[in-house]
């Protein structure tokens, strides 16, 4: 008498493979999208923090000029738009808007300038700034 055990052959149906491929493919796409968005957010926050630190390191009687700001290159590859400032908390005349495009949203850092050929930086708004407590 021979002991025969039923063999456990695992037959993977094509349907199971398709389901796994779709699930893991979808997870990979969401993960890549989230990482791209995180990268854009980090670049905007890091840039804003570096520029604010440079602005605050100047003494009250010294101006942080646009030429000095241009030496501090932004992280990543933002789109830059210059224009009139309009209403703003600094009373500035012009603004440079740096926009990092993420997958889910855009991250913006605005740099406000006074008038002149090499204008002083009046203020910086954007990700990474501490909001004052009210």
Protein backbone atom coordinates (compact mmCIF):
# COMPACT_ATOMS: atom_id res chain seq x y z
CA UNK A 1 0.00 0.00 0.00
CA UNK A 2 1.36 3.38 -0.89
CA UNK A 3 0.57 6.50 0.92
CA UNK A 4 -0.55 8.91 -1.63
CA UNK A 5 -1.15 12.47 -0.71
CA UNK A 6 -3.15 14.68 -2.91
CA UNK A 7 -0.76 17.04 -4.59
CA UNK A 8 -1.29 20.71 -3.92
CA UNK A 9 -0.83 22.25 -7.25
CA UNK A 10 -1.55 25.91 -7.18
CA UNK A 11 -2.91 26.92 -10.48
CA UNK A 12 -3.04 30.66 -10.80
CA UNK A 13 -5.79 31.68 -13.06
CA UNK A 14 -5.24 34.51 -15.51
CA UNK A 15 -8.00 36.40 -13.73
CA UNK A 16 -6.00 36.43 -10.45
CA UNK A 17 -2.93 37.72 -12.27
CA UNK A 18 -4.95 40.49 -13.91
CA UNK A 19 -6.43 41.55 -10.58
CA UNK A 20 -3.01 41.63 -8.91
CA UNK A 21 -1.53 43.59 -11.81
CA UNK A 22 -4.32 46.16 -11.68
CA UNK A 23 -4.14 46.55 -7.88
CA UNK A 24 -0.35 46.84 -7.67
CA UNK A 25 -0.22 49.01 -10.78
CA UNK A 26 -2.77 51.40 -9.27
CA UNK A 27 -0.86 51.52 -6.00
CA UNK A 28 2.35 52.29 -7.88
CA UNK A 29 0.70 55.14 -9.79
CA UNK A 30 -0.71 56.66 -6.58
CA UNK A 31 2.66 56.30 -4.85
CA UNK A 32 4.51 58.02 -7.70
CA UNK A 33 1.94 60.83 -7.80
CA UNK A 34 2.21 61.33 -4.04
CA UNK A 35 6.02 61.38 -4.21
CA UNK A 36 5.99 63.99 -7.00
CA UNK A 37 3.61 66.16 -4.99
CA UNK A 38 5.75 65.75 -1.86
CA UNK A 39 8.86 66.72 -3.83
CA UNK A 40 7.21 69.91 -5.12
CA UNK A 41 6.00 70.81 -1.61
CA UNK A 42 9.43 70.22 -0.08
CA UNK A 43 11.15 72.30 -2.77
CA UNK A 44 8.77 75.22 -2.17
CA UNK A 45 9.09 75.01 1.62
CA UNK A 46 12.86 74.72 1.54
CA UNK A 47 13.19 77.65 -0.85
CA UNK A 48 10.85 79.82 1.21
CA UNK A 49 12.67 78.95 4.43
CA UNK A 50 16.11 79.72 2.97
CA UNK A 51 14.94 83.05 1.57
CA UNK A 52 13.19 84.05 4.82
CA UNK A 53 16.30 83.13 6.81
CA UNK A 54 18.46 85.27 4.51
CA UNK A 55 15.96 88.15 4.80
CA UNK A 56 15.82 87.96 8.59
CA UNK A 57 19.62 87.72 8.91
CA UNK A 58 19.99 91.29 7.63
CA UNK A 59 20.00 94.00 10.26
CA UNK A 60 17.27 96.62 10.35
CA UNK A 61 19.39 99.28 8.62
CA UNK A 62 20.48 96.93 5.79
CA UNK A 63 18.30 95.93 2.86
CA UNK A 64 18.15 92.46 1.38
CA UNK A 65 18.37 93.24 -2.34
CA UNK A 66 16.97 91.39 -5.34
CA UNK A 67 20.51 90.76 -6.60
CA UNK A 68 21.31 88.97 -3.32
CA UNK A 69 18.12 86.93 -3.61
CA UNK A 70 19.04 85.82 -7.14
CA UNK A 71 22.23 84.25 -5.75
CA UNK A 72 20.08 81.91 -3.66
CA UNK A 73 18.72 79.59 -6.34
CA UNK A 74 15.31 78.03 -5.75
CA UNK A 75 15.03 74.29 -5.17
CA UNK A 76 13.49 72.29 -8.00
CA UNK A 77 12.15 73.95 -11.12
CA UNK A 78 9.49 76.53 -10.33
CA UNK A 79 7.68 78.67 -12.86
CA UNK A 80 8.47 82.36 -12.28
CA UNK A 81 6.06 85.20 -13.03
CA UNK A 82 6.86 88.86 -12.31
CA UNK A 83 4.24 91.55 -12.10
CA UNK A 84 2.53 94.32 -10.18
CA UNK A 85 1.89 93.45 -6.55
CA UNK A 86 -1.54 94.98 -6.09
CA UNK A 87 -2.92 94.79 -2.54
CA UNK A 88 -0.40 93.16 -0.20
CA UNK A 89 0.56 93.27 3.48
CA UNK A 90 3.96 94.83 2.71
CA UNK A 91 2.85 97.78 0.60
CA UNK A 92 5.15 96.60 -2.17
CA UNK A 93 4.99 97.60 -5.80
CA UNK A 94 6.17 94.44 -7.59
CA UNK A 95 6.08 90.72 -6.89
CA UNK A 96 7.83 87.64 -8.24
CA UNK A 97 5.65 84.55 -7.95
CA UNK A 98 7.42 81.18 -7.89
CA UNK A 99 5.10 78.21 -8.51
CA UNK A 100 6.02 74.56 -8.04
CA UNK A 101 3.47 72.29 -9.70
CA UNK A 102 2.64 69.19 -7.73
CA UNK A 103 0.36 66.37 -8.77
CA UNK A 104 -2.51 67.38 -6.53
CA UNK A 105 -1.88 71.10 -6.01
CA UNK A 106 0.49 73.96 -6.71
CA UNK A 107 2.84 75.45 -4.12
CA UNK A 108 3.53 79.18 -4.38
CA UNK A 109 6.17 81.46 -2.86
CA UNK A 110 5.70 85.20 -3.45
CA UNK A 111 8.58 87.63 -3.06
CA UNK A 112 7.56 91.30 -2.72
CA UNK A 113 9.89 94.10 -3.84
CA UNK A 114 10.13 97.86 -3.45
CA UNK A 115 10.84 100.09 -6.44
CA UNK A 116 14.28 100.65 -8.00
CA UNK A 117 16.86 99.11 -10.27
CA UNK A 118 17.98 96.65 -7.57
CA UNK A 119 14.97 96.77 -5.26
CA UNK A 120 14.93 95.66 -1.67
CA UNK A 121 12.94 92.57 -0.71
CA UNK A 122 9.98 93.71 1.40
CA UNK A 123 8.63 90.31 2.33
CA UNK A 124 8.18 86.66 1.41
CA UNK A 125 4.94 84.67 1.56
CA UNK A 126 4.45 81.01 0.94
CA UNK A 127 4.83 77.44 2.18
CA UNK A 128 6.93 76.89 5.24
CA UNK A 129 6.19 80.24 6.84
CA UNK A 130 4.99 80.32 10.40
CA UNK A 131 1.56 81.81 10.72
CA UNK A 132 1.23 84.32 13.54
CA UNK A 133 -0.99 83.27 16.40
CA UNK A 134 -4.10 85.36 16.84
